[in-house]
Protein backbone atom coordinates (compact mmCIF):
# COMPACT_ATOMS: atom_id res chain seq x y z
CA GLN A 1 20.42 -5.30 1.07
CA VAL A 2 16.66 -5.04 1.60
CA GLN A 3 14.74 -2.63 -0.59
CA LEU A 4 11.03 -1.87 -0.87
CA VAL A 5 9.98 0.09 -3.94
CA GLU A 6 6.46 1.44 -4.33
CA SER A 7 4.88 2.36 -7.64
CA GLY A 8 1.49 2.98 -9.18
CA GLY A 9 0.52 6.24 -7.57
CA GLY A 10 -0.98 9.12 -9.51
CA LEU A 11 -3.83 11.55 -9.90
CA VAL A 12 -7.35 10.16 -10.12
CA GLN A 13 -10.87 11.52 -9.80
CA ALA A 14 -13.05 10.60 -6.86
CA GLY A 15 -14.68 7.24 -7.49
CA GLY A 16 -11.76 6.01 -9.54
CA SER A 17 -9.24 3.25 -8.92
CA LEU A 18 -5.49 2.78 -8.62
CA ARG A 19 -3.31 -0.23 -7.96
CA LEU A 20 -0.15 0.30 -5.95
CA SER A 21 2.75 -2.13 -6.04
CA CYS A 22 5.44 -2.77 -3.45
CA THR A 23 8.32 -4.72 -4.96
CA VAL A 24 10.64 -6.29 -2.41
CA SER A 25 14.27 -7.29 -2.88
CA GLY A 26 16.63 -8.81 -0.36
CA LEU A 27 13.90 -10.80 1.41
CA THR A 28 12.66 -14.25 0.49
CA ALA A 29 9.12 -14.19 -0.86
CA GLY A 30 6.57 -15.75 1.45
CA THR A 31 8.61 -15.18 4.60
CA TYR A 32 7.63 -11.63 5.51
CA ALA A 33 4.60 -9.49 6.18
CA ILE A 34 3.97 -6.19 4.44
CA ASP A 35 2.00 -3.26 5.75
CA TRP A 36 0.74 -0.33 3.76
CA TYR A 37 0.67 3.07 5.45
CA ARG A 38 -0.24 6.51 4.17
CA GLN A 39 0.50 10.05 5.20
CA ALA A 40 -1.64 13.02 4.25
CA PRO A 41 -0.19 16.55 4.30
CA GLY A 42 0.07 17.81 7.85
CA LYS A 43 -1.06 14.51 9.34
CA GLN A 44 0.62 11.54 10.97
CA ARG A 45 1.35 8.40 9.04
CA GLU A 46 -1.52 5.95 9.44
CA PHE A 47 -2.03 2.25 8.93
CA VAL A 48 -3.96 1.19 5.83
CA ALA A 49 -3.62 -2.59 5.43
CA PHE A 50 -1.41 -5.59 6.12
CA LEU A 51 -0.72 -8.97 4.60
CA THR A 52 1.10 -11.63 6.59
CA SER A 53 3.27 -14.41 5.20
CA SER A 54 0.43 -16.87 5.92
CA GLY A 55 -2.06 -14.80 3.98
CA THR A 56 -3.86 -13.07 6.83
CA LYS A 57 -5.14 -9.65 5.86
CA ASP A 58 -6.58 -6.70 7.70
CA TYR A 59 -7.57 -3.16 6.87
CA ALA A 60 -8.16 0.17 8.50
CA ASP A 61 -11.87 0.82 8.95
CA SER A 62 -11.66 3.79 6.62
CA VAL A 63 -10.71 1.58 3.65
CA LYS A 64 -12.56 -1.67 4.37
CA GLY A 65 -14.68 -2.73 1.42
CA ARG A 66 -12.79 -0.43 -0.96
CA PHE A 67 -9.13 -1.53 -0.75
CA THR A 68 -7.73 -5.02 -1.27
CA ILE A 69 -4.22 -6.17 -0.40
CA SER A 70 -2.69 -9.14 -2.19
CA GLY A 71 0.67 -10.69 -2.89
CA ASP A 72 2.47 -12.38 -5.76
CA ASN A 73 5.34 -14.47 -4.40
CA ALA A 74 6.67 -15.16 -7.89
CA LYS A 75 7.20 -11.44 -8.36
CA ASN A 76 8.04 -10.72 -4.71
CA THR A 77 5.45 -7.96 -4.90
CA VAL A 78 2.54 -6.89 -2.71
CA TYR A 79 -0.32 -4.95 -4.25
CA LEU A 80 -2.89 -2.54 -2.89
CA GLN A 81 -5.93 -2.31 -5.12
CA MET A 82 -7.80 0.88 -4.28
CA ASN A 83 -11.34 1.31 -5.56
CA ARG A 84 -13.99 3.99 -5.03
CA LEU A 85 -11.29 6.43 -4.08
CA LYS A 86 -12.17 9.51 -2.06
CA PRO A 87 -10.36 12.85 -1.70
CA GLU A 88 -9.50 11.87 1.87
CA ASP A 89 -7.46 8.97 0.49
CA THR A 90 -4.93 11.51 -0.81
CA GLY A 91 -1.44 11.10 0.57
CA VAL A 92 1.89 9.41 0.19
CA TYR A 93 1.55 5.64 0.43
CA TYR A 94 4.36 3.60 1.91
CA CYS A 95 4.99 -0.11 2.26
CA TYR A 96 6.72 -1.40 5.37
CA SER A 97 8.28 -4.78 6.13
CA GLY A 98 8.41 -4.32 9.89
CA VAL A 99 11.95 -2.98 9.67
CA TYR A 100 12.32 -1.32 6.28
CA TRP A 101 10.25 1.40 4.61
CA GLY A 102 9.86 2.16 0.96
CA GLN A 103 10.26 5.67 -0.41
CA GLY A 104 6.54 6.16 -0.95
CA THR A 105 4.29 6.88 -3.89
CA GLN A 106 1.94 9.86 -4.16
CA VAL A 107 -1.79 9.32 -4.53
CA THR A 108 -3.97 12.34 -5.24
CA VAL A 109 -7.73 12.05 -5.48
CA SER A 110 -9.54 15.06 -6.89
CA SER A 111 -13.14 15.86 -6.01
């Protein structure tokens, strides 16, 4: 059974940092891609970043230069390091394997 579990969300002031984790079970490390998405209240879920099994990365324009996606195959975990956070980064952050979604983790950035 495939499971994606996000963690690391919380409340932070604008300009601060958080690191989100997406721990994957049921899939072999290094064989899948992971996307991060986020959903703000009243808005559609939007793409944030992806990491492919070959190490290719890409980011939404709104987070380029501030967010970094990385993976640790030994831990079967994908991270999203978020720096210089802004209030508009507030939302529930989800990881997605292309088929399966995690349950999400809340990020709140206060101004």
